[in-house]
Amino acid sequence: MLIQPLPSHGPWDQGISLDRHTVFSTPIGLNAQGHMQFEILRTDIGEALFQLKHRDDYRQVAFLARSVAAALAGQRFDLVIPMPASRQRPCQPVHEVARQVAVLLGSTYSDQLLLKTWPTALMSDLANYEQRAEALAGCFIVNDTLRHSADVLLLDDLVDTGASLEAACTALRECASIRSISLVALTRRH
């Protein structure tokens, strides 16, 4: 793992990404349907995330959760929450990792604190930060059911422009019960 801090200018207190998603991605030619094919080498975290999200390999949850817990060794959080998903799936991969991270850290898990009020385009389909920020503007709300002040850990799968994290944390900042917001992105695009 090559842990890197996330930029500190966002509406969060601290954040890290565990590793890059890919080491390289090289075009190798068109397939029979005319779509470009790539030779891709992913980091261990990137490959585990790919297998979890795109091959439904839920055995990867334990490895990813242990990696997050190891990166956060010694830190305490009252609540671990997943980034609400852009794509609907029967079982949300990031939710499963966040649930296991909460167990490993001795924290509470909730997927009901930060909610997405309407579906948005897939962020990977939008070209830049500005388009993503516009698509996400106002789409997150906080369902404040907290009884006490809480230090929150928000878990996301991949950070690229940071627009999703910024929109989510802006909504979380409006909740008076949230004392601090920490972020972990499993992987980063760059």
N, C-alpha and C. Protein backbone atom coordinates (compact mmCIF):
# COMPACT_ATOMS: atom_id res chain seq x y z
N MET A 1 0.84 -1.19 0.00
CA MET A 1 0.00 0.00 0.00
C MET A 1 0.88 1.24 0.00
N LEU A 2 0.45 2.21 -0.79
CA LEU A 2 1.13 3.50 -0.82
C LEU A 2 0.11 4.55 -0.38
N ILE A 3 -0.05 4.67 0.93
CA ILE A 3 -1.05 5.58 1.51
C ILE A 3 -0.64 7.02 1.24
N GLN A 4 -1.62 7.81 0.81
CA GLN A 4 -1.37 9.24 0.60
C GLN A 4 -2.49 10.03 1.25
N PRO A 5 -2.15 11.20 1.81
CA PRO A 5 -3.20 12.05 2.36
C PRO A 5 -4.05 12.63 1.24
N LEU A 6 -5.33 12.83 1.53
CA LEU A 6 -6.19 13.54 0.59
C LEU A 6 -5.98 15.03 0.81
N PRO A 7 -6.24 15.85 -0.19
CA PRO A 7 -6.05 17.30 -0.02
C PRO A 7 -6.80 17.81 1.21
N SER A 8 -6.18 18.71 1.93
CA SER A 8 -6.76 19.18 3.20
C SER A 8 -7.67 20.39 3.02
N HIS A 9 -7.95 20.80 1.79
CA HIS A 9 -8.79 21.98 1.58
C HIS A 9 -10.28 21.66 1.56
N GLY A 10 -10.66 20.42 1.68
CA GLY A 10 -12.07 20.04 1.64
C GLY A 10 -12.76 20.21 2.98
N PRO A 11 -14.07 19.98 3.02
CA PRO A 11 -14.83 20.13 4.26
C PRO A 11 -14.71 18.91 5.19
N TRP A 12 -13.53 18.38 5.31
CA TRP A 12 -13.26 17.25 6.19
C TRP A 12 -12.05 17.58 7.04
N ASP A 13 -11.85 16.80 8.09
CA ASP A 13 -10.74 17.06 9.01
C ASP A 13 -9.45 16.36 8.58
N GLN A 14 -9.58 15.16 8.08
CA GLN A 14 -8.42 14.42 7.59
C GLN A 14 -8.90 13.34 6.64
N GLY A 15 -8.00 12.93 5.75
CA GLY A 15 -8.38 11.88 4.81
C GLY A 15 -7.17 11.26 4.17
N ILE A 16 -7.32 9.99 3.80
CA ILE A 16 -6.26 9.26 3.12
C ILE A 16 -6.86 8.40 2.01
N SER A 17 -6.01 8.06 1.06
CA SER A 17 -6.34 7.00 0.11
C SER A 17 -5.30 5.91 0.33
N LEU A 18 -5.75 4.67 0.25
CA LEU A 18 -4.85 3.55 0.55
C LEU A 18 -3.82 3.31 -0.54
N ASP A 19 -4.20 3.51 -1.79
CA ASP A 19 -3.26 3.24 -2.89
C ASP A 19 -3.86 3.75 -4.19
N ARG A 20 -3.02 3.79 -5.22
CA ARG A 20 -3.53 4.08 -6.57
C ARG A 20 -4.38 2.89 -7.00
N HIS A 21 -5.31 3.15 -7.92
CA HIS A 21 -6.15 2.07 -8.42
C HIS A 21 -5.38 1.24 -9.44
N THR A 22 -4.73 1.91 -10.38
CA THR A 22 -3.98 1.19 -11.42
C THR A 22 -2.53 1.64 -11.46
N VAL A 23 -1.66 0.72 -11.82
CA VAL A 23 -0.26 1.03 -12.04
C VAL A 23 -0.10 1.51 -13.48
N PHE A 24 -0.72 0.78 -14.42
CA PHE A 24 -0.75 1.24 -15.81
C PHE A 24 -1.94 0.63 -16.52
N SER A 25 -2.33 1.28 -17.61
CA SER A 25 -3.41 0.82 -18.48
C SER A 25 -3.00 1.15 -19.91
N THR A 26 -2.72 0.11 -20.69
CA THR A 26 -2.18 0.29 -22.03
C THR A 26 -3.16 -0.25 -23.07
N PRO A 27 -3.55 0.57 -24.06
CA PRO A 27 -4.42 0.06 -25.14
C PRO A 27 -3.71 -1.04 -25.93
N ILE A 28 -4.45 -2.13 -26.22
CA ILE A 28 -3.84 -3.24 -26.96
C ILE A 28 -4.58 -3.58 -28.25
N GLY A 29 -5.63 -2.84 -28.56
CA GLY A 29 -6.35 -3.07 -29.81
C GLY A 29 -7.83 -3.23 -29.61
N LEU A 30 -8.54 -3.30 -30.72
CA LEU A 30 -9.99 -3.41 -30.69
C LEU A 30 -10.42 -4.87 -30.59
N ASN A 31 -11.53 -5.10 -29.89
CA ASN A 31 -12.10 -6.44 -29.85
C ASN A 31 -13.02 -6.63 -31.05
N ALA A 32 -13.69 -7.77 -31.14
CA ALA A 32 -14.54 -8.09 -32.29
C ALA A 32 -15.70 -7.10 -32.44
N GLN A 33 -16.11 -6.47 -31.36
CA GLN A 33 -17.20 -5.50 -31.40
C GLN A 33 -16.71 -4.08 -31.66
N GLY A 34 -15.40 -3.91 -31.84
CA GLY A 34 -14.85 -2.59 -32.12
C GLY A 34 -14.53 -1.75 -30.90
N HIS A 35 -14.52 -2.36 -29.72
CA HIS A 35 -14.22 -1.64 -28.48
C HIS A 35 -12.74 -1.81 -28.14
N MET A 36 -12.13 -0.72 -27.74
CA MET A 36 -10.71 -0.76 -27.36
C MET A 36 -10.54 -1.66 -26.13
N GLN A 37 -9.52 -2.50 -26.18
CA GLN A 37 -9.16 -3.36 -25.06
C GLN A 37 -7.86 -2.84 -24.45
N PHE A 38 -7.68 -3.12 -23.17
CA PHE A 38 -6.52 -2.60 -22.45
C PHE A 38 -5.83 -3.70 -21.67
N GLU A 39 -4.52 -3.60 -21.59
CA GLU A 39 -3.76 -4.39 -20.63
C GLU A 39 -3.67 -3.52 -19.39
N ILE A 40 -4.15 -4.05 -18.27
CA ILE A 40 -4.23 -3.25 -17.04
C ILE A 40 -3.51 -3.97 -15.92
N LEU A 41 -2.66 -3.24 -15.23
CA LEU A 41 -2.04 -3.74 -14.00
C LEU A 41 -2.55 -2.86 -12.87
N ARG A 42 -3.23 -3.49 -11.92
CA ARG A 42 -3.77 -2.78 -10.77
C ARG A 42 -2.92 -3.05 -9.55
N THR A 43 -2.97 -2.14 -8.59
CA THR A 43 -2.35 -2.39 -7.29
C THR A 43 -3.14 -3.51 -6.61
N ASP A 44 -2.63 -4.04 -5.51
CA ASP A 44 -3.36 -5.09 -4.79
C ASP A 44 -4.72 -4.59 -4.33
N ILE A 45 -4.75 -3.37 -3.79
CA ILE A 45 -6.03 -2.79 -3.34
C ILE A 45 -6.93 -2.56 -4.56
N GLY A 46 -6.37 -2.03 -5.64
CA GLY A 46 -7.14 -1.78 -6.85
C GLY A 46 -7.72 -3.05 -7.44
N GLU A 47 -6.94 -4.12 -7.45
CA GLU A 47 -7.43 -5.40 -7.98
C GLU A 47 -8.53 -5.97 -7.10
N ALA A 48 -8.33 -5.89 -5.78
CA ALA A 48 -9.36 -6.39 -4.87
C ALA A 48 -10.67 -5.61 -5.05
N LEU A 49 -10.56 -4.30 -5.19
CA LEU A 49 -11.75 -3.48 -5.40
C LEU A 49 -12.41 -3.81 -6.74
N PHE A 50 -11.62 -3.97 -7.78
CA PHE A 50 -12.16 -4.35 -9.09
C PHE A 50 -12.90 -5.69 -8.99
N GLN A 51 -12.29 -6.68 -8.37
CA GLN A 51 -12.92 -7.99 -8.24
C GLN A 51 -14.22 -7.91 -7.44
N LEU A 52 -14.22 -7.09 -6.39
CA LEU A 52 -15.42 -6.92 -5.57
C LEU A 52 -16.54 -6.24 -6.36
N LYS A 53 -16.24 -5.12 -6.99
CA LYS A 53 -17.27 -4.33 -7.66
C LYS A 53 -17.72 -4.91 -8.99
N HIS A 54 -16.81 -5.45 -9.76
CA HIS A 54 -17.14 -5.83 -11.13
C HIS A 54 -17.22 -7.34 -11.36
N ARG A 55 -16.79 -8.12 -10.39
CA ARG A 55 -16.88 -9.57 -10.50
C ARG A 55 -17.66 -10.18 -9.32
N ASP A 56 -18.24 -9.30 -8.49
CA ASP A 56 -19.04 -9.73 -7.34
C ASP A 56 -18.30 -10.71 -6.43
N ASP A 57 -17.01 -10.50 -6.28
CA ASP A 57 -16.19 -11.37 -5.43
C ASP A 57 -16.15 -10.79 -4.01
N TYR A 58 -17.13 -11.15 -3.23
CA TYR A 58 -17.26 -10.59 -1.88
C TYR A 58 -16.23 -11.16 -0.91
N ARG A 59 -15.42 -12.09 -1.37
CA ARG A 59 -14.30 -12.54 -0.53
C ARG A 59 -13.28 -11.42 -0.35
N GLN A 60 -13.31 -10.42 -1.21
CA GLN A 60 -12.36 -9.30 -1.14
C GLN A 60 -12.67 -8.34 0.01
N VAL A 61 -13.89 -8.40 0.54
CA VAL A 61 -14.29 -7.48 1.61
C VAL A 61 -13.35 -7.57 2.79
N ALA A 62 -13.01 -8.76 3.22
CA ALA A 62 -12.15 -8.93 4.41
C ALA A 62 -10.78 -8.30 4.19
N PHE A 63 -10.17 -8.54 3.03
CA PHE A 63 -8.85 -7.95 2.73
C PHE A 63 -8.92 -6.43 2.73
N LEU A 64 -9.92 -5.88 2.07
CA LEU A 64 -10.05 -4.42 2.00
C LEU A 64 -10.31 -3.82 3.38
N ALA A 65 -11.17 -4.45 4.16
CA ALA A 65 -11.46 -3.94 5.51
C ALA A 65 -10.23 -4.01 6.40
N ARG A 66 -9.48 -5.11 6.33
CA ARG A 66 -8.25 -5.21 7.12
C ARG A 66 -7.24 -4.15 6.70
N SER A 67 -7.18 -3.85 5.42
CA SER A 67 -6.26 -2.82 4.93
C SER A 67 -6.63 -1.45 5.48
N VAL A 68 -7.92 -1.14 5.51
CA VAL A 68 -8.37 0.13 6.09
C VAL A 68 -8.04 0.18 7.57
N ALA A 69 -8.36 -0.89 8.29
CA ALA A 69 -8.10 -0.92 9.74
C ALA A 69 -6.61 -0.77 10.02
N ALA A 70 -5.76 -1.41 9.23
CA ALA A 70 -4.31 -1.28 9.43
C ALA A 70 -3.85 0.15 9.18
N ALA A 71 -4.40 0.79 8.17
CA ALA A 71 -4.01 2.18 7.85
C ALA A 71 -4.46 3.15 8.94
N LEU A 72 -5.50 2.79 9.67
CA LEU A 72 -6.05 3.66 10.71
C LEU A 72 -5.67 3.21 12.11
N ALA A 73 -4.68 2.36 12.22
CA ALA A 73 -4.29 1.79 13.52
C ALA A 73 -4.20 2.88 14.58
N GLY A 74 -4.88 2.64 15.69
CA GLY A 74 -4.83 3.55 16.83
C GLY A 74 -5.85 4.67 16.78
N GLN A 75 -6.53 4.86 15.67
CA GLN A 75 -7.54 5.92 15.59
C GLN A 75 -8.90 5.37 15.99
N ARG A 76 -9.71 6.24 16.57
CA ARG A 76 -11.04 5.83 17.04
C ARG A 76 -12.11 6.65 16.33
N PHE A 77 -13.18 5.99 15.98
CA PHE A 77 -14.32 6.64 15.34
C PHE A 77 -15.59 6.11 15.99
N ASP A 78 -16.53 6.99 16.21
CA ASP A 78 -17.80 6.55 16.78
C ASP A 78 -18.66 5.86 15.73
N LEU A 79 -18.51 6.31 14.49
CA LEU A 79 -19.40 5.85 13.43
C LEU A 79 -18.63 5.69 12.13
N VAL A 80 -18.87 4.58 11.44
CA VAL A 80 -18.32 4.35 10.10
C VAL A 80 -19.49 4.34 9.13
N ILE A 81 -19.39 5.19 8.10
CA ILE A 81 -20.47 5.28 7.12
C ILE A 81 -19.90 5.11 5.71
N PRO A 82 -20.68 4.47 4.83
CA PRO A 82 -20.24 4.33 3.43
C PRO A 82 -20.71 5.53 2.61
N MET A 83 -19.98 5.84 1.56
CA MET A 83 -20.45 6.81 0.58
C MET A 83 -21.65 6.20 -0.13
N PRO A 84 -22.77 6.91 -0.19
CA PRO A 84 -23.91 6.37 -0.94
C PRO A 84 -23.53 6.10 -2.40
N ALA A 85 -24.02 5.02 -2.93
CA ALA A 85 -23.62 4.56 -4.26
C ALA A 85 -24.30 5.32 -5.38
N SER A 86 -23.61 5.42 -6.51
CA SER A 86 -24.19 5.99 -7.73
C SER A 86 -24.94 4.93 -8.51
N ARG A 87 -24.47 3.70 -8.45
CA ARG A 87 -25.07 2.60 -9.19
C ARG A 87 -25.80 1.68 -8.20
N GLN A 88 -27.03 1.36 -8.52
CA GLN A 88 -27.80 0.47 -7.66
C GLN A 88 -27.38 -0.98 -7.92
N ARG A 89 -27.10 -1.68 -6.83
CA ARG A 89 -26.75 -3.10 -6.89
C ARG A 89 -27.52 -3.81 -5.78
N PRO A 90 -27.77 -5.10 -5.93
CA PRO A 90 -28.44 -5.83 -4.85
C PRO A 90 -27.67 -5.75 -3.53
N CYS A 91 -26.36 -5.76 -3.63
CA CYS A 91 -25.50 -5.67 -2.45
C CYS A 91 -24.42 -4.64 -2.77
N GLN A 92 -24.32 -3.59 -1.96
CA GLN A 92 -23.39 -2.50 -2.25
C GLN A 92 -22.00 -2.81 -1.71
N PRO A 93 -21.00 -2.92 -2.57
CA PRO A 93 -19.65 -3.29 -2.15
C PRO A 93 -19.06 -2.39 -1.06
N VAL A 94 -19.16 -1.07 -1.23
CA VAL A 94 -18.56 -0.17 -0.24
C VAL A 94 -19.27 -0.29 1.11
N HIS A 95 -20.56 -0.55 1.09
CA HIS A 95 -21.29 -0.76 2.34
C HIS A 95 -20.75 -1.98 3.08
N GLU A 96 -20.49 -3.04 2.33
CA GLU A 96 -19.98 -4.26 2.96
C GLU A 96 -18.59 -4.03 3.56
N VAL A 97 -17.74 -3.30 2.86
CA VAL A 97 -16.41 -3.00 3.41
C VAL A 97 -16.55 -2.12 4.65
N ALA A 98 -17.39 -1.08 4.57
CA ALA A 98 -17.58 -0.18 5.72
C ALA A 98 -18.12 -0.94 6.93
N ARG A 99 -19.05 -1.85 6.69
CA ARG A 99 -19.61 -2.65 7.80
C ARG A 99 -18.51 -3.45 8.50
N GLN A 100 -17.62 -4.06 7.71
CA GLN A 100 -16.53 -4.86 8.28
C GLN A 100 -15.49 -3.97 8.95
N VAL A 101 -15.21 -2.78 8.39
CA VAL A 101 -14.28 -1.84 9.01
C VAL A 101 -14.80 -1.45 10.39
N ALA A 102 -16.10 -1.19 10.48
CA ALA A 102 -16.69 -0.82 11.78
C ALA A 102 -16.47 -1.92 12.81
N VAL A 103 -16.65 -3.16 12.40
CA VAL A 103 -16.41 -4.29 13.31
C VAL A 103 -14.96 -4.30 13.77
N LEU A 104 -14.04 -4.17 12.83
CA LEU A 104 -12.61 -4.23 13.16
C LEU A 104 -12.16 -3.08 14.05
N LEU A 105 -12.79 -1.91 13.89
CA LEU A 105 -12.41 -0.74 14.69
C LEU A 105 -13.21 -0.61 15.98
N GLY A 106 -14.19 -1.49 16.17
CA GLY A 106 -15.04 -1.39 17.35
C GLY A 106 -15.96 -0.18 17.30
N SER A 107 -16.36 0.20 16.09
CA SER A 107 -17.23 1.36 15.87
C SER A 107 -18.62 0.89 15.48
N THR A 108 -19.54 1.84 15.41
CA THR A 108 -20.89 1.57 14.94
C THR A 108 -20.94 1.83 13.44
N TYR A 109 -21.68 1.00 12.73
CA TYR A 109 -21.87 1.17 11.29
C TYR A 109 -23.26 1.75 11.05
N SER A 110 -23.36 2.67 10.10
CA SER A 110 -24.67 3.16 9.68
C SER A 110 -24.65 3.51 8.20
N ASP A 111 -25.64 3.02 7.48
CA ASP A 111 -25.82 3.45 6.10
C ASP A 111 -27.07 4.34 5.98
N GLN A 112 -27.53 4.83 7.14
CA GLN A 112 -28.73 5.67 7.16
C GLN A 112 -28.46 7.10 7.60
N LEU A 113 -27.20 7.46 7.86
CA LEU A 113 -26.88 8.83 8.27
C LEU A 113 -26.75 9.73 7.05
N LEU A 114 -25.98 9.32 6.08
CA LEU A 114 -25.76 10.09 4.85
C LEU A 114 -26.55 9.42 3.73
N LEU A 115 -27.50 10.15 3.17
CA LEU A 115 -28.37 9.59 2.15
C LEU A 115 -28.30 10.41 0.87
N LYS A 116 -28.52 9.73 -0.23
CA LYS A 116 -28.59 10.39 -1.53
C LYS A 116 -30.07 10.57 -1.85
N THR A 117 -30.49 11.81 -2.12
CA THR A 117 -31.91 12.09 -2.29
C THR A 117 -32.44 11.79 -3.69
N TRP A 118 -31.54 11.71 -4.66
CA TRP A 118 -31.95 11.34 -6.01
C TRP A 118 -30.78 10.67 -6.72
N PRO A 119 -31.07 9.87 -7.74
CA PRO A 119 -29.98 9.22 -8.47
C PRO A 119 -29.20 10.25 -9.29
N THR A 120 -27.92 10.04 -9.40
CA THR A 120 -27.08 10.92 -10.22
C THR A 120 -26.43 10.08 -11.32
N ALA A 121 -25.88 10.77 -12.28
CA ALA A 121 -25.10 10.08 -13.31
C ALA A 121 -23.92 9.39 -12.64
N LEU A 122 -23.42 8.35 -13.27
CA LEU A 122 -22.19 7.73 -12.77
C LEU A 122 -21.08 8.76 -12.89
N MET A 123 -20.32 8.94 -11.84
CA MET A 123 -19.27 9.95 -11.86
C MET A 123 -18.23 9.66 -12.94
N SER A 124 -18.00 8.39 -13.21
CA SER A 124 -17.02 8.02 -14.24
C SER A 124 -17.48 8.44 -15.64
N ASP A 125 -18.77 8.72 -15.80
CA ASP A 125 -19.29 9.17 -17.10
C ASP A 125 -19.17 10.68 -17.28
N LEU A 126 -18.79 11.40 -16.23
CA LEU A 126 -18.67 12.86 -16.29
C LEU A 126 -17.20 13.24 -16.40
N ALA A 127 -16.92 14.23 -17.22
CA ALA A 127 -15.55 14.51 -17.65
C ALA A 127 -14.66 15.16 -16.61
N ASN A 128 -15.22 16.01 -15.74
CA ASN A 128 -14.34 16.80 -14.88
C ASN A 128 -15.01 17.16 -13.56
N TYR A 129 -14.26 17.83 -12.71
CA TYR A 129 -14.74 18.22 -11.39
C TYR A 129 -16.01 19.07 -11.50
N GLU A 130 -16.02 20.04 -12.38
CA GLU A 130 -17.15 20.95 -12.49
C GLU A 130 -18.44 20.20 -12.84
N GLN A 131 -18.38 19.29 -13.81
CA GLN A 131 -19.56 18.50 -14.18
C GLN A 131 -20.02 17.62 -13.02
N ARG A 132 -19.08 17.05 -12.32
CA ARG A 132 -19.42 16.18 -11.20
C ARG A 132 -20.02 16.98 -10.05
N ALA A 133 -19.42 18.12 -9.73
CA ALA A 133 -19.93 18.97 -8.66
C ALA A 133 -21.35 19.43 -8.97
N GLU A 134 -21.60 19.79 -10.22
CA GLU A 134 -22.95 20.22 -10.63
C GLU A 134 -23.95 19.08 -10.49
N ALA A 135 -23.57 17.88 -10.91
CA ALA A 135 -24.46 16.72 -10.82
C ALA A 135 -24.77 16.36 -9.37
N LEU A 136 -23.83 16.62 -8.47
CA LEU A 136 -23.98 16.23 -7.06
C LEU A 136 -24.56 17.33 -6.18
N ALA A 137 -24.66 18.55 -6.69
CA ALA A 137 -25.09 19.69 -5.87
C ALA A 137 -26.43 19.40 -5.19
N GLY A 138 -26.40 19.39 -3.86
CA GLY A 138 -27.61 19.21 -3.07
C GLY A 138 -28.18 17.82 -3.02
N CYS A 139 -27.51 16.83 -3.58
CA CYS A 139 -28.11 15.48 -3.64
C CYS A 139 -27.95 14.69 -2.34
N PHE A 140 -27.06 15.13 -1.44
CA PHE A 140 -26.87 14.42 -0.18
C PHE A 140 -27.62 15.13 0.95
N ILE A 141 -28.24 14.34 1.80
CA ILE A 141 -28.84 14.87 3.03
C ILE A 141 -28.35 14.03 4.20
N VAL A 142 -28.46 14.62 5.39
CA VAL A 142 -28.07 13.91 6.60
C VAL A 142 -29.32 13.61 7.40
N ASN A 143 -29.49 12.36 7.73
CA ASN A 143 -30.58 11.89 8.56
C ASN A 143 -30.04 11.83 9.99
N ASP A 144 -30.11 12.95 10.69
CA ASP A 144 -29.46 13.06 12.00
C ASP A 144 -30.24 12.31 13.08
N THR A 145 -29.80 11.10 13.33
CA THR A 145 -30.38 10.30 14.41
C THR A 145 -29.37 10.11 15.54
N LEU A 146 -28.28 10.88 15.49
CA LEU A 146 -27.22 10.75 16.50
C LEU A 146 -27.69 11.31 17.83
N ARG A 147 -27.40 10.59 18.89
CA ARG A 147 -27.78 11.03 20.23
C ARG A 147 -26.66 11.84 20.90
N HIS A 148 -25.44 11.67 20.43
CA HIS A 148 -24.28 12.35 21.01
C HIS A 148 -23.39 12.84 19.88
N SER A 149 -22.45 13.70 20.23
CA SER A 149 -21.46 14.14 19.25
C SER A 149 -20.67 12.93 18.77
N ALA A 150 -20.34 12.92 17.49
CA ALA A 150 -19.69 11.74 16.92
C ALA A 150 -18.54 12.12 16.01
N ASP A 151 -17.48 11.31 16.08
CA ASP A 151 -16.38 11.36 15.13
C ASP A 151 -16.71 10.33 14.05
N VAL A 152 -16.83 10.79 12.82
CA VAL A 152 -17.33 9.96 11.72
C VAL A 152 -16.20 9.62 10.75
N LEU A 153 -16.19 8.37 10.31
CA LEU A 153 -15.31 7.92 9.24
C LEU A 153 -16.17 7.63 8.03
N LEU A 154 -15.92 8.34 6.93
CA LEU A 154 -16.63 8.13 5.67
C LEU A 154 -15.73 7.31 4.75
N LEU A 155 -16.26 6.21 4.25
CA LEU A 155 -15.49 5.31 3.39
C LEU A 155 -16.01 5.38 1.96
N ASP A 156 -15.09 5.57 1.01
CA ASP A 156 -15.43 5.59 -0.41
C ASP A 156 -14.50 4.62 -1.14
N ASP A 157 -14.91 4.20 -2.32
CA ASP A 157 -14.11 3.23 -3.05
C ASP A 157 -12.98 3.87 -3.85
N LEU A 158 -13.28 4.96 -4.56
CA LEU A 158 -12.31 5.54 -5.47
C LEU A 158 -12.45 7.05 -5.46
N VAL A 159 -11.35 7.75 -5.27
CA VAL A 159 -11.37 9.21 -5.37
C VAL A 159 -10.66 9.60 -6.67
N ASP A 160 -11.33 10.49 -7.40
CA ASP A 160 -10.74 11.00 -8.64
C ASP A 160 -10.64 12.52 -8.50
N THR A 161 -11.72 13.24 -8.78
CA THR A 161 -11.68 14.70 -8.65
C THR A 161 -11.95 15.17 -7.23
N GLY A 162 -12.57 14.32 -6.42
CA GLY A 162 -12.93 14.70 -5.06
C GLY A 162 -14.30 15.34 -4.95
N ALA A 163 -15.03 15.48 -6.06
CA ALA A 163 -16.33 16.14 -6.04
C ALA A 163 -17.34 15.40 -5.16
N SER A 164 -17.37 14.08 -5.22
CA SER A 164 -18.31 13.31 -4.40
C SER A 164 -18.01 13.48 -2.92
N LEU A 165 -16.74 13.37 -2.56
CA LEU A 165 -16.36 13.54 -1.15
C LEU A 165 -16.69 14.94 -0.66
N GLU A 166 -16.44 15.93 -1.49
CA GLU A 166 -16.73 17.31 -1.09
C GLU A 166 -18.23 17.51 -0.88
N ALA A 167 -19.06 17.01 -1.80
CA ALA A 167 -20.51 17.16 -1.67
C ALA A 167 -21.03 16.42 -0.44
N ALA A 168 -20.54 15.21 -0.21
CA ALA A 168 -20.99 14.44 0.95
C ALA A 168 -20.57 15.10 2.25
N CYS A 169 -19.33 15.54 2.33
CA CYS A 169 -18.84 16.16 3.57
C CYS A 169 -19.47 17.52 3.82
N THR A 170 -19.82 18.24 2.76
CA THR A 170 -20.54 19.50 2.93
C THR A 170 -21.88 19.24 3.61
N ALA A 171 -22.58 18.20 3.20
CA ALA A 171 -23.84 17.83 3.85
C ALA A 171 -23.60 17.39 5.29
N LEU A 172 -22.58 16.58 5.52
CA LEU A 172 -22.28 16.11 6.88
C LEU A 172 -21.94 17.27 7.81
N ARG A 173 -21.27 18.29 7.31
CA ARG A 173 -20.88 19.46 8.12
C ARG A 173 -22.10 20.21 8.65
N GLU A 174 -23.24 20.07 7.99
CA GLU A 174 -24.45 20.75 8.44
C GLU A 174 -25.07 20.09 9.66
N CYS A 175 -24.59 18.92 10.02
CA CYS A 175 -25.12 18.17 11.16
C CYS A 175 -24.36 18.56 12.41
N ALA A 176 -25.04 19.20 13.34
CA ALA A 176 -24.39 19.69 14.57
C ALA A 176 -23.84 18.55 15.43
N SER A 177 -24.36 17.35 15.26
CA SER A 177 -23.92 16.21 16.08
C SER A 177 -22.59 15.63 15.62
N ILE A 178 -22.13 16.02 14.45
CA ILE A 178 -20.87 15.47 13.93
C ILE A 178 -19.72 16.36 14.36
N ARG A 179 -18.85 15.79 15.17
CA ARG A 179 -17.70 16.51 15.72
C ARG A 179 -16.55 16.58 14.71
N SER A 180 -16.27 15.46 14.05
CA SER A 180 -15.19 15.44 13.06
C SER A 180 -15.53 14.46 11.95
N ILE A 181 -14.94 14.73 10.78
CA ILE A 181 -15.13 13.88 9.61
C ILE A 181 -13.76 13.45 9.10
N SER A 182 -13.55 12.14 9.07
CA SER A 182 -12.34 11.56 8.48
C SER A 182 -12.76 10.75 7.26
N LEU A 183 -11.87 10.69 6.29
CA LEU A 183 -12.17 9.99 5.04
C LEU A 183 -11.14 8.91 4.78
N VAL A 184 -11.61 7.81 4.22
CA VAL A 184 -10.71 6.83 3.61
C VAL A 184 -11.28 6.49 2.25
N ALA A 185 -10.47 6.71 1.22
CA ALA A 185 -10.78 6.23 -0.12
C ALA A 185 -9.91 4.99 -0.32
N LEU A 186 -10.52 3.90 -0.72
CA LEU A 186 -9.74 2.68 -0.92
C LEU A 186 -8.67 2.90 -1.98
N THR A 187 -9.04 3.55 -3.08
CA THR A 187 -8.08 3.82 -4.14
C THR A 187 -8.24 5.24 -4.65
N ARG A 188 -7.23 5.68 -5.39
CA ARG A 188 -7.26 7.00 -6.03
C ARG A 188 -6.93 6.81 -7.51
N ARG A 189 -7.49 7.68 -8.32
CA ARG A 189 -7.29 7.58 -9.77
C ARG A 189 -5.85 7.97 -10.14
N HIS A 190 -5.31 9.01 -9.51
CA HIS A 190 -3.97 9.51 -9.89
C HIS A 190 -3.02 9.46 -8.71
